[in-house]
Protein backbone atom coordinates (compact mmCIF):
# COMPACT_ATOMS: atom_id res chain seq x y z
CA MET A 1 130.43 96.17 112.28
CA ARG A 2 128.03 93.37 113.52
CA VAL A 3 124.42 93.81 112.48
CA THR A 4 122.10 92.65 115.23
CA THR A 5 118.60 93.58 113.78
CA VAL A 6 117.08 94.07 110.39
CA THR A 7 113.84 96.02 109.71
CA VAL A 8 111.56 95.82 106.79
CA GLN A 9 108.89 98.11 105.94
CA TYR A 10 106.54 97.01 103.14
CA GLY A 11 103.28 98.72 101.90
CA ARG A 12 100.87 98.29 99.17
CA THR A 13 97.97 100.36 97.86
CA VAL A 14 94.92 98.74 96.67
CA ASN A 15 92.76 100.55 94.24
CA LEU A 16 89.15 99.95 95.39
CA ASP A 17 87.62 102.01 92.46
CA ASN A 18 85.26 104.87 92.89
CA TYR A 19 88.24 107.02 93.60
CA GLU A 20 88.89 105.11 96.75
CA SER A 21 91.97 103.06 97.81
CA ALA A 22 93.15 101.14 100.86
CA ARG A 23 96.70 101.35 102.17
CA LEU A 24 98.28 98.32 103.82
CA ASP A 25 101.51 98.54 105.58
CA CYS A 26 103.67 96.12 107.49
CA HIS A 27 106.53 96.86 109.64
CA LEU A 28 108.85 93.92 110.91
CA THR A 29 111.92 93.83 112.90
CA ALA A 30 114.02 90.69 113.43
CA GLU A 31 116.98 89.84 115.51
CA VAL A 32 120.08 88.51 113.76
CA GLU A 33 121.28 85.60 116.20
CA ASP A 34 124.96 84.68 116.36
CA GLY A 35 125.84 82.70 113.53
CA GLU A 36 123.10 83.90 111.22
CA ASN A 37 123.65 85.96 108.10
CA ALA A 38 122.02 89.39 108.22
CA GLU A 39 121.20 89.28 104.40
CA ASP A 40 119.46 85.91 104.90
CA VAL A 41 117.37 87.21 107.85
CA LEU A 42 116.61 90.34 105.86
CA ASP A 43 115.41 88.26 102.98
CA ALA A 44 113.27 85.95 105.06
CA THR A 45 111.78 89.11 106.83
CA TRP A 46 111.10 90.73 103.52
CA GLU A 47 109.26 87.58 102.33
CA ILE A 48 107.11 87.31 105.48
CA ALA A 49 106.13 90.99 104.99
CA LYS A 50 105.15 90.41 101.37
CA ARG A 51 103.24 87.43 101.90
CA SER A 52 101.36 88.99 104.92
CA LEU A 53 100.10 91.87 102.81
CA LYS A 54 99.20 89.73 99.96
CA VAL A 55 96.95 87.53 102.32
CA ARG A 56 95.37 90.78 103.60
CA ALA A 57 94.88 92.39 100.38
CA MET A 58 93.24 89.53 98.59
CA PRO A 59 89.71 89.95 100.24
CA LEU A 60 89.92 93.68 99.10
CA ILE A 61 90.88 92.78 95.62
CA GLU A 62 88.30 89.97 95.23
CA ALA A 63 85.51 92.39 96.48
CA ARG A 64 86.63 95.07 94.03
CA ASN A 65 86.59 92.59 91.15
CA ALA A 66 83.18 91.39 92.17
CA ARG A 67 81.83 94.89 92.28
CA ALA A 68 83.31 95.39 88.83
CA ALA A 69 81.85 92.24 87.48
CA GLN A 70 78.33 93.24 88.77
CA GLY A 71 78.64 96.62 87.14
CA LEU A 72 79.64 94.98 83.83
CA ALA A 73 76.84 92.66 84.00
CA ALA A 74 74.38 95.57 84.70
CA VAL A 75 75.73 97.47 81.77
CA GLN A 76 75.40 94.43 79.43
CA VAL A 77 71.74 93.85 80.64
CA ALA A 78 70.89 97.54 80.11
CA GLN A 79 72.44 97.36 76.50
CA ARG A 80 70.36 94.35 75.72
CA VAL A 81 67.29 96.00 76.88
CA GLY A 82 68.00 99.11 74.94
CA ASN A 83 68.61 97.04 71.72
CA GLY A 84 65.37 95.26 72.18
CA GLY A 85 66.77 92.21 73.81
CA LYS A 86 69.21 91.32 71.07
């Protein structure tokens, strides 16, 4: 049997906090050319899918982390005010 195409489906769910999440999915199909190894094409396609989602997930993760840092800072200020500024 000769493999002529490979398909990769890769997904990632990013927790956005506040009971929200974002689902990112990537579906790629690659042709296996004469002389190419199907496993090598599959590995390369898999890496492209993972890299693609990582790039697209980073802004969501960074925004979530920034919101978390702001919330933590607000809690720390409130605690200082409640303790007389100590």
